[in-house]
N, C-alpha and C. Protein backbone atom coordinates (compact mmCIF):
# COMPACT_ATOMS: atom_id res chain seq x y z
N MET A 1 -8.83 7.27 -6.00
CA MET A 1 -7.88 6.22 -6.35
C MET A 1 -8.23 5.10 -5.45
N LEU A 2 -8.40 5.20 -4.23
CA LEU A 2 -8.62 4.04 -3.25
C LEU A 2 -9.83 3.51 -3.47
N GLN A 3 -11.11 4.19 -3.99
CA GLN A 3 -12.31 3.63 -4.34
C GLN A 3 -12.08 2.65 -5.45
N PHE A 4 -11.35 3.24 -6.40
CA PHE A 4 -10.93 2.52 -7.70
C PHE A 4 -10.38 1.19 -7.36
N CYS A 5 -9.45 1.12 -6.41
CA CYS A 5 -8.75 0.10 -6.13
C CYS A 5 -9.74 -0.95 -5.70
N ARG A 6 -10.81 -0.49 -4.75
CA ARG A 6 -11.71 -1.38 -4.23
C ARG A 6 -12.69 -1.88 -5.17
N ARG A 7 -12.81 -1.26 -6.43
CA ARG A 7 -13.82 -1.62 -7.37
C ARG A 7 -12.89 -2.69 -8.12
N LEU A 8 -11.68 -2.74 -7.90
CA LEU A 8 -10.91 -3.61 -8.65
C LEU A 8 -10.80 -5.07 -8.05
N GLY A 9 -11.22 -4.99 -6.66
CA GLY A 9 -11.03 -5.94 -5.66
C GLY A 9 -10.10 -6.20 -4.63
N ALA A 10 -9.55 -4.84 -4.53
CA ALA A 10 -8.53 -4.61 -3.40
C ALA A 10 -9.31 -4.58 -2.03
N ALA A 11 -8.85 -5.49 -1.19
CA ALA A 11 -9.56 -5.83 0.00
C ALA A 11 -8.64 -5.67 1.10
N THR A 12 -7.38 -5.58 1.10
CA THR A 12 -6.43 -5.37 2.24
C THR A 12 -5.43 -4.64 1.87
N PHE A 13 -4.68 -3.93 2.81
CA PHE A 13 -3.51 -3.08 2.58
C PHE A 13 -2.33 -3.32 3.64
N THR A 14 -1.25 -2.89 3.46
CA THR A 14 -0.14 -2.87 4.35
C THR A 14 0.38 -1.47 4.29
N VAL A 15 1.12 -1.09 5.32
CA VAL A 15 1.87 0.27 5.47
C VAL A 15 2.97 0.14 6.60
N ASN A 16 3.99 1.04 6.21
CA ASN A 16 5.17 1.25 7.34
C ASN A 16 4.79 2.66 7.91
N PHE A 17 5.69 2.48 9.01
CA PHE A 17 5.77 3.67 9.56
C PHE A 17 7.14 3.70 10.36
N LEU A 18 8.36 4.27 9.86
CA LEU A 18 9.50 4.21 10.44
C LEU A 18 9.61 4.91 11.73
N TYR A 19 10.34 4.53 12.70
CA TYR A 19 10.52 5.14 13.90
C TYR A 19 11.88 4.81 14.47
N VAL A 20 12.39 5.86 15.43
CA VAL A 20 13.55 5.45 16.24
C VAL A 20 13.16 5.10 17.56
N LYS A 21 13.83 3.75 18.04
CA LYS A 21 13.30 3.36 19.16
C LYS A 21 13.84 4.30 20.44
N GLY A 22 12.73 4.53 21.40
CA GLY A 22 12.82 5.44 22.71
C GLY A 22 12.82 6.68 22.38
N GLU A 23 12.59 7.01 20.98
CA GLU A 23 12.26 8.65 20.77
C GLU A 23 10.72 8.71 20.57
N ASP A 24 10.41 9.86 20.28
CA ASP A 24 9.09 10.27 19.98
C ASP A 24 8.28 9.67 18.85
N SER A 25 9.25 9.47 17.91
CA SER A 25 8.65 8.72 16.61
C SER A 25 8.04 7.32 16.90
N GLU A 26 8.65 6.78 17.88
CA GLU A 26 8.22 5.22 18.48
C GLU A 26 6.71 5.34 19.11
N GLN A 27 6.51 6.28 19.68
CA GLN A 27 5.13 6.49 20.21
C GLN A 27 4.32 7.05 19.24
N ALA A 28 4.62 7.88 18.14
CA ALA A 28 3.77 8.12 17.07
C ALA A 28 3.37 6.85 16.29
N ALA A 29 4.42 6.08 16.03
CA ALA A 29 4.15 4.74 15.32
C ALA A 29 3.13 4.08 15.89
N LYS A 30 3.36 3.77 17.25
CA LYS A 30 2.46 3.05 17.93
C LYS A 30 0.99 3.62 18.09
N ASP A 31 0.80 4.96 18.16
CA ASP A 31 -0.28 5.57 18.16
C ASP A 31 -1.00 5.30 16.67
N PHE A 32 -0.31 5.55 15.72
CA PHE A 32 -0.74 5.01 14.46
C PHE A 32 -1.46 3.65 14.23
N TYR A 33 -0.50 2.90 14.62
CA TYR A 33 -1.02 1.49 14.34
C TYR A 33 -2.16 1.06 15.28
N GLN A 34 -2.33 1.80 16.53
CA GLN A 34 -3.45 1.57 17.40
C GLN A 34 -4.53 2.07 16.70
N ARG A 35 -4.64 3.17 16.12
CA ARG A 35 -5.67 3.88 15.41
C ARG A 35 -6.09 2.82 14.10
N LEU A 36 -5.25 2.05 13.45
CA LEU A 36 -5.63 1.09 12.53
C LEU A 36 -5.99 -0.22 13.05
N SER A 37 -5.69 -0.46 14.31
CA SER A 37 -6.22 -1.71 14.77
C SER A 37 -7.47 -2.18 14.75
N VAL A 38 -8.43 -1.20 14.65
CA VAL A 38 -9.98 -1.69 14.27
C VAL A 38 -10.14 -2.38 12.90
N PHE A 39 -9.22 -2.11 12.06
CA PHE A 39 -9.27 -2.75 10.68
C PHE A 39 -8.19 -3.80 10.42
N SER A 40 -7.77 -4.31 11.55
CA SER A 40 -6.71 -5.48 11.44
C SER A 40 -7.24 -6.38 10.77
N ALA A 41 -6.63 -7.08 10.00
CA ALA A 41 -6.66 -8.38 9.35
C ALA A 41 -5.76 -9.63 9.75
N GLY A 42 -4.96 -9.23 10.57
CA GLY A 42 -4.12 -10.14 11.27
C GLY A 42 -2.85 -10.59 10.17
N GLU A 43 -2.33 -11.41 10.26
CA GLU A 43 -1.03 -11.65 9.32
C GLU A 43 -1.56 -12.60 8.35
N ARG A 44 -1.05 -12.38 7.18
CA ARG A 44 -1.48 -13.18 5.94
C ARG A 44 -0.04 -13.18 5.04
N VAL A 45 -0.11 -14.32 4.13
CA VAL A 45 1.05 -14.43 3.26
C VAL A 45 0.65 -13.56 2.18
N LEU A 46 1.47 -12.52 1.77
CA LEU A 46 1.21 -11.42 0.93
C LEU A 46 2.32 -11.28 0.11
N GLU A 47 2.08 -10.74 -1.14
CA GLU A 47 3.29 -10.59 -2.01
C GLU A 47 4.32 -9.46 -1.35
N SER A 48 5.73 -9.62 -1.52
CA SER A 48 6.50 -8.75 -0.85
C SER A 48 6.94 -7.84 -1.95
N ILE A 49 7.13 -6.44 -1.67
CA ILE A 49 7.56 -5.37 -2.50
C ILE A 49 8.88 -5.43 -2.95
N TYR A 50 9.76 -6.54 -2.52
CA TYR A 50 10.94 -6.82 -2.75
C TYR A 50 11.32 -7.54 -4.07
N GLY A 51 10.49 -8.05 -4.63
CA GLY A 51 10.30 -8.92 -5.83
C GLY A 51 11.03 -10.13 -5.43
N ASP A 52 10.84 -10.66 -4.13
CA ASP A 52 11.09 -12.08 -3.70
C ASP A 52 10.25 -12.97 -3.17
N GLY A 53 8.99 -12.84 -3.98
CA GLY A 53 8.02 -13.72 -3.78
C GLY A 53 6.84 -13.17 -2.56
N PHE A 54 6.62 -14.08 -1.78
CA PHE A 54 5.62 -13.88 -0.69
C PHE A 54 6.15 -14.14 0.57
N ARG A 55 5.52 -13.20 1.60
CA ARG A 55 5.75 -13.63 3.09
C ARG A 55 4.80 -13.27 3.85
N ARG A 56 4.69 -13.70 5.29
CA ARG A 56 3.55 -13.26 6.05
C ARG A 56 3.82 -11.64 6.63
N GLN A 57 2.78 -11.29 6.54
CA GLN A 57 2.73 -9.62 6.74
C GLN A 57 1.41 -9.15 7.58
N GLU A 58 1.67 -8.23 8.49
CA GLU A 58 0.33 -7.80 9.09
C GLU A 58 -0.21 -6.93 8.04
N CYS A 59 -1.71 -7.12 7.96
CA CYS A 59 -2.40 -6.15 6.93
C CYS A 59 -3.81 -5.96 7.69
N TRP A 60 -4.45 -4.84 6.95
CA TRP A 60 -5.44 -4.49 7.64
C TRP A 60 -6.57 -4.39 6.45
N VAL A 61 -7.99 -4.29 6.68
CA VAL A 61 -8.79 -4.48 5.66
C VAL A 61 -9.26 -3.10 4.96
N LEU A 62 -9.32 -3.12 3.88
CA LEU A 62 -9.84 -1.92 2.94
C LEU A 62 -11.22 -1.71 2.90
N THR A 63 -11.81 -0.79 3.70
CA THR A 63 -13.06 -0.25 3.83
C THR A 63 -13.46 0.82 3.47
N ASP A 64 -14.57 1.46 3.51
CA ASP A 64 -14.88 2.89 3.46
C ASP A 64 -14.26 3.48 4.71
N GLU A 65 -14.54 2.74 5.68
CA GLU A 65 -14.02 3.33 7.02
C GLU A 65 -12.46 3.57 7.10
N SER A 66 -11.83 2.55 6.53
CA SER A 66 -10.38 2.40 6.55
C SER A 66 -9.84 3.47 5.64
N ILE A 67 -10.39 3.88 4.57
CA ILE A 67 -10.18 4.48 3.58
C ILE A 67 -10.17 6.01 4.24
N ASP A 68 -11.12 6.52 5.08
CA ASP A 68 -11.24 7.57 5.71
C ASP A 68 -10.03 7.86 6.58
N THR A 69 -9.74 6.63 7.31
CA THR A 69 -8.80 6.80 8.32
C THR A 69 -7.41 6.96 7.43
N ILE A 70 -7.25 6.16 6.31
CA ILE A 70 -6.01 6.45 5.62
C ILE A 70 -5.82 8.00 5.23
N LEU A 71 -6.97 8.58 4.57
CA LEU A 71 -7.05 9.97 4.32
C LEU A 71 -6.80 11.09 5.29
N THR A 72 -7.14 10.69 6.38
CA THR A 72 -6.95 11.55 7.51
C THR A 72 -5.56 11.61 8.06
N GLU A 73 -5.00 10.37 8.14
CA GLU A 73 -3.62 10.28 8.42
C GLU A 73 -2.73 10.96 7.41
N THR A 74 -2.97 10.86 6.08
CA THR A 74 -2.19 11.48 5.04
C THR A 74 -2.68 12.87 4.71
N ALA A 75 -3.71 13.35 5.48
CA ALA A 75 -4.19 14.67 4.96
C ALA A 75 -4.64 14.59 3.50
N GLY A 76 -5.29 13.41 3.05
CA GLY A 76 -5.43 13.18 1.66
C GLY A 76 -4.79 12.95 0.80
N ASN A 77 -3.34 12.82 1.11
CA ASN A 77 -2.40 12.51 0.00
C ASN A 77 -1.49 11.31 0.36
N LEU A 78 -1.81 10.44 -0.16
CA LEU A 78 -1.17 9.16 -0.04
C LEU A 78 0.63 9.39 -0.34
N PHE A 79 1.08 10.62 -1.00
CA PHE A 79 2.28 10.69 -1.22
C PHE A 79 2.90 11.46 -0.11
N ALA A 80 2.10 11.88 0.97
CA ALA A 80 2.60 12.77 2.13
C ALA A 80 3.83 11.98 2.61
N TYR A 81 4.99 12.62 2.93
CA TYR A 81 6.15 12.27 3.31
C TYR A 81 6.68 12.87 4.42
N ASN A 82 6.95 12.54 5.43
CA ASN A 82 7.54 13.15 6.47
C ASN A 82 8.37 11.89 7.56
N VAL A 83 9.49 11.50 7.24
CA VAL A 83 10.09 10.32 7.90
C VAL A 83 9.93 10.51 9.49
N LEU A 84 9.43 9.49 10.00
CA LEU A 84 9.50 9.55 11.51
C LEU A 84 8.12 10.20 12.01
N TYR A 85 7.41 10.66 10.94
CA TYR A 85 6.37 11.47 11.58
C TYR A 85 5.04 11.09 10.74
N LEU A 86 5.13 10.48 9.61
CA LEU A 86 4.03 10.10 8.83
C LEU A 86 4.12 8.50 8.27
N PRO A 87 3.05 7.89 8.10
CA PRO A 87 3.12 6.39 7.61
C PRO A 87 3.74 6.49 6.13
N GLU A 88 4.08 5.47 5.65
CA GLU A 88 4.84 5.53 4.11
C GLU A 88 4.82 4.14 3.65
N ASP A 89 4.76 4.16 2.30
CA ASP A 89 4.95 3.01 1.48
C ASP A 89 3.65 2.16 1.76
N TRP A 90 2.50 2.66 1.07
CA TRP A 90 1.25 1.87 1.21
C TRP A 90 1.16 0.92 0.12
N LEU A 91 0.58 -0.22 0.47
CA LEU A 91 0.57 -1.31 -0.57
C LEU A 91 -0.91 -1.79 -0.46
N PHE A 92 -1.67 -1.96 -1.51
CA PHE A 92 -3.14 -2.25 -1.70
C PHE A 92 -3.31 -3.52 -2.22
N TYR A 93 -3.73 -4.76 -1.83
CA TYR A 93 -3.90 -5.93 -2.46
C TYR A 93 -5.03 -6.41 -2.86
N VAL A 94 -5.00 -7.23 -3.96
CA VAL A 94 -6.07 -7.91 -4.51
C VAL A 94 -5.92 -9.31 -4.28
N GLY A 95 -6.69 -10.09 -3.62
CA GLY A 95 -6.01 -11.43 -3.01
C GLY A 95 -4.70 -11.26 -2.23
N ASP A 96 -3.76 -11.92 -2.69
CA ASP A 96 -2.34 -11.90 -1.99
C ASP A 96 -1.31 -11.16 -3.15
N ALA A 97 -1.81 -10.45 -3.99
CA ALA A 97 -1.15 -9.76 -4.70
C ALA A 97 -1.10 -8.36 -4.73
N VAL A 98 0.02 -7.67 -4.98
CA VAL A 98 -0.09 -6.12 -4.99
C VAL A 98 -0.85 -5.59 -6.00
N LEU A 99 -1.71 -4.50 -5.87
CA LEU A 99 -2.46 -3.96 -6.97
C LEU A 99 -1.91 -2.53 -7.07
N LEU A 100 -1.77 -1.87 -6.03
CA LEU A 100 -1.05 -0.58 -5.97
C LEU A 100 0.03 -0.35 -4.93
N GLN A 101 1.17 0.14 -5.48
CA GLN A 101 2.16 0.36 -4.57
C GLN A 101 2.38 1.82 -4.61
N VAL A 102 2.37 2.51 -3.34
CA VAL A 102 2.72 4.03 -3.46
C VAL A 102 3.83 4.22 -2.37
N VAL A 103 4.98 4.60 -2.92
CA VAL A 103 6.08 4.77 -2.52
C VAL A 103 6.45 6.37 -2.09
N SER A 104 6.04 6.72 -0.91
CA SER A 104 6.00 8.21 -0.36
C SER A 104 7.43 8.86 -0.65
N HIS A 105 8.34 8.32 -0.42
CA HIS A 105 9.72 9.08 -0.42
C HIS A 105 10.12 9.30 -1.82
N GLU A 106 9.69 8.49 -2.80
CA GLU A 106 9.89 8.67 -4.22
C GLU A 106 8.83 9.50 -4.90
N GLN A 107 7.69 9.60 -4.27
CA GLN A 107 6.58 10.32 -4.83
C GLN A 107 5.88 9.61 -6.18
N GLU A 108 6.20 8.36 -6.20
CA GLU A 108 5.57 7.72 -7.20
C GLU A 108 4.75 6.40 -6.91
N ALA A 109 4.10 6.06 -7.81
CA ALA A 109 3.28 4.67 -7.36
C ALA A 109 3.27 3.99 -8.54
N THR A 110 2.98 2.53 -8.35
CA THR A 110 2.96 1.63 -9.36
C THR A 110 1.69 0.75 -9.18
N LEU A 111 0.80 0.95 -10.23
CA LEU A 111 -0.33 0.36 -10.24
C LEU A 111 -0.58 -0.81 -11.35
N ARG A 112 -0.69 -1.87 -10.94
CA ARG A 112 -0.71 -3.14 -11.88
C ARG A 112 -2.04 -3.28 -12.29
N LEU A 113 -2.41 -2.95 -13.48
CA LEU A 113 -3.64 -2.71 -13.91
C LEU A 113 -3.96 -3.74 -14.88
N PRO A 114 -4.95 -4.32 -15.12
CA PRO A 114 -5.43 -5.39 -16.08
C PRO A 114 -5.95 -4.46 -17.40
N ASP A 115 -5.33 -5.17 -18.32
CA ASP A 115 -5.49 -4.25 -19.76
C ASP A 115 -7.03 -3.88 -19.80
N ASP A 116 -7.88 -4.69 -19.61
CA ASP A 116 -9.34 -4.41 -19.78
C ASP A 116 -9.82 -3.22 -18.73
N ARG A 117 -8.88 -2.70 -17.71
CA ARG A 117 -9.36 -1.56 -16.78
C ARG A 117 -8.78 -0.46 -17.17
N TYR A 118 -7.75 -0.49 -17.87
CA TYR A 118 -7.03 0.68 -18.26
C TYR A 118 -7.98 1.89 -18.63
N ALA A 119 -8.86 1.84 -19.67
CA ALA A 119 -9.72 3.04 -20.05
C ALA A 119 -10.24 3.53 -18.70
N GLU A 120 -11.10 2.52 -17.83
CA GLU A 120 -11.68 2.92 -16.59
C GLU A 120 -10.76 3.77 -15.80
N PHE A 121 -9.37 3.40 -15.65
CA PHE A 121 -8.54 4.22 -15.10
C PHE A 121 -8.11 5.58 -15.62
N THR A 122 -8.11 5.66 -16.73
CA THR A 122 -7.73 6.96 -17.51
C THR A 122 -8.97 7.97 -17.18
N ARG A 123 -9.96 7.69 -16.92
CA ARG A 123 -11.37 8.40 -16.72
C ARG A 123 -11.01 9.04 -15.25
N LEU A 124 -10.46 8.55 -14.53
CA LEU A 124 -10.17 9.26 -13.16
C LEU A 124 -9.42 10.58 -13.52
N GLY A 125 -8.62 10.65 -14.46
CA GLY A 125 -7.88 11.87 -14.89
C GLY A 125 -6.80 11.94 -14.04
N ILE A 126 -6.20 10.91 -13.58
CA ILE A 126 -4.57 10.90 -12.64
C ILE A 126 -3.68 10.91 -13.67
N PRO A 127 -2.78 11.98 -13.38
CA PRO A 127 -1.63 11.84 -14.40
C PRO A 127 -0.73 10.56 -14.26
N HIS A 128 -0.20 10.23 -15.38
CA HIS A 128 0.36 8.90 -15.08
C HIS A 128 1.31 8.53 -16.21
N LYS A 129 2.20 7.61 -16.37
CA LYS A 129 2.79 7.16 -17.56
C LYS A 129 2.96 5.59 -17.31
N GLU A 130 2.98 4.88 -18.54
CA GLU A 130 3.04 3.59 -18.57
C GLU A 130 4.65 3.16 -18.27
N GLY A 131 4.61 1.92 -17.88
CA GLY A 131 6.12 1.20 -17.49
C GLY A 131 6.40 1.18 -16.17
N GLN A 132 7.46 0.63 -15.88
CA GLN A 132 8.00 0.46 -14.45
C GLN A 132 9.09 1.22 -14.07
N PRO A 133 8.66 2.00 -13.00
CA PRO A 133 9.82 2.89 -12.47
C PRO A 133 11.10 2.15 -12.06
N LEU A 134 12.34 3.07 -12.31
CA LEU A 134 13.45 2.37 -12.11
C LEU A 134 13.73 1.94 -10.66
N TRP A 135 13.20 2.83 -9.59
CA TRP A 135 13.50 2.44 -8.34
C TRP A 135 12.73 1.29 -7.78
N SER A 136 11.80 0.75 -8.54
CA SER A 136 10.84 -0.13 -8.05
C SER A 136 11.41 -1.58 -8.09
N SER A 137 11.30 -2.35 -7.08
CA SER A 137 11.92 -3.89 -7.34
C SER A 137 10.42 -4.59 -7.27
N LEU A 138 9.53 -4.16 -7.48
CA LEU A 138 8.16 -4.91 -7.60
C LEU A 138 8.12 -5.63 -9.12
N PRO A 139 8.00 -6.61 -9.14
CA PRO A 139 8.01 -7.17 -10.59
C PRO A 139 6.67 -6.94 -11.23
N GLU A 140 6.54 -6.88 -12.84
CA GLU A 140 5.55 -6.63 -13.41
C GLU A 140 4.34 -7.44 -12.97
N SER A 141 4.47 -8.74 -12.74
CA SER A 141 3.56 -9.88 -12.27
C SER A 141 4.20 -10.26 -11.03
N PRO A 142 3.22 -10.93 -10.01
CA PRO A 142 3.78 -11.72 -8.83
C PRO A 142 4.67 -12.81 -9.15
N LEU A 143 5.77 -12.89 -8.16
CA LEU A 143 6.64 -14.13 -8.44
C LEU A 143 6.11 -15.19 -7.51
N ARG A 144 5.49 -16.37 -7.99
CA ARG A 144 4.68 -17.37 -7.17
C ARG A 144 5.56 -18.54 -6.85
N GLN A 145 6.93 -18.61 -7.53
CA GLN A 145 7.76 -19.78 -7.21
C GLN A 145 7.82 -20.21 -5.75
N ASN A 146 8.03 -19.36 -4.85
CA ASN A 146 8.49 -19.90 -3.31
C ASN A 146 7.63 -19.10 -2.36
N PRO A 147 6.26 -19.34 -2.40
CA PRO A 147 5.48 -18.71 -1.48
C PRO A 147 6.01 -18.97 -0.06
N ALA A 148 5.88 -17.87 0.63
CA ALA A 148 6.42 -18.21 2.10
C ALA A 148 5.16 -18.74 2.80
N SER A 149 5.51 -19.36 4.03
CA SER A 149 4.49 -20.04 4.86
C SER A 149 4.20 -19.34 6.04
């Protein structure tokens, strides 16, 4: 799936790691982000998953090597979920817009796919259904009225 996203132009990603300050999970989060640091793309204005436009966010480059790291961190499963122990809420961007949103705790993903690439996606054999999940606040297309600076 991540190689498919790269073929569509995904070049950066963001991810969250929830932790409790002063507890073991804080160190786990620091260690995780340290492992990602070699892929840092700095802060960029990217689409927010909350449907409220764009904002500055830390992000990382999506390469073969960072994909290997992602797969190692998640044991090969982007839906892997264990709050305070695993990263979650992966977002993959084409330019500044979300292409793929993986919400681990919901065990669902949203892929914004151009119509002309849908047939290519179906050949991957990934079970899916069309439409927007009820839990998602990600609009069907980016809201560009008020980009953050």
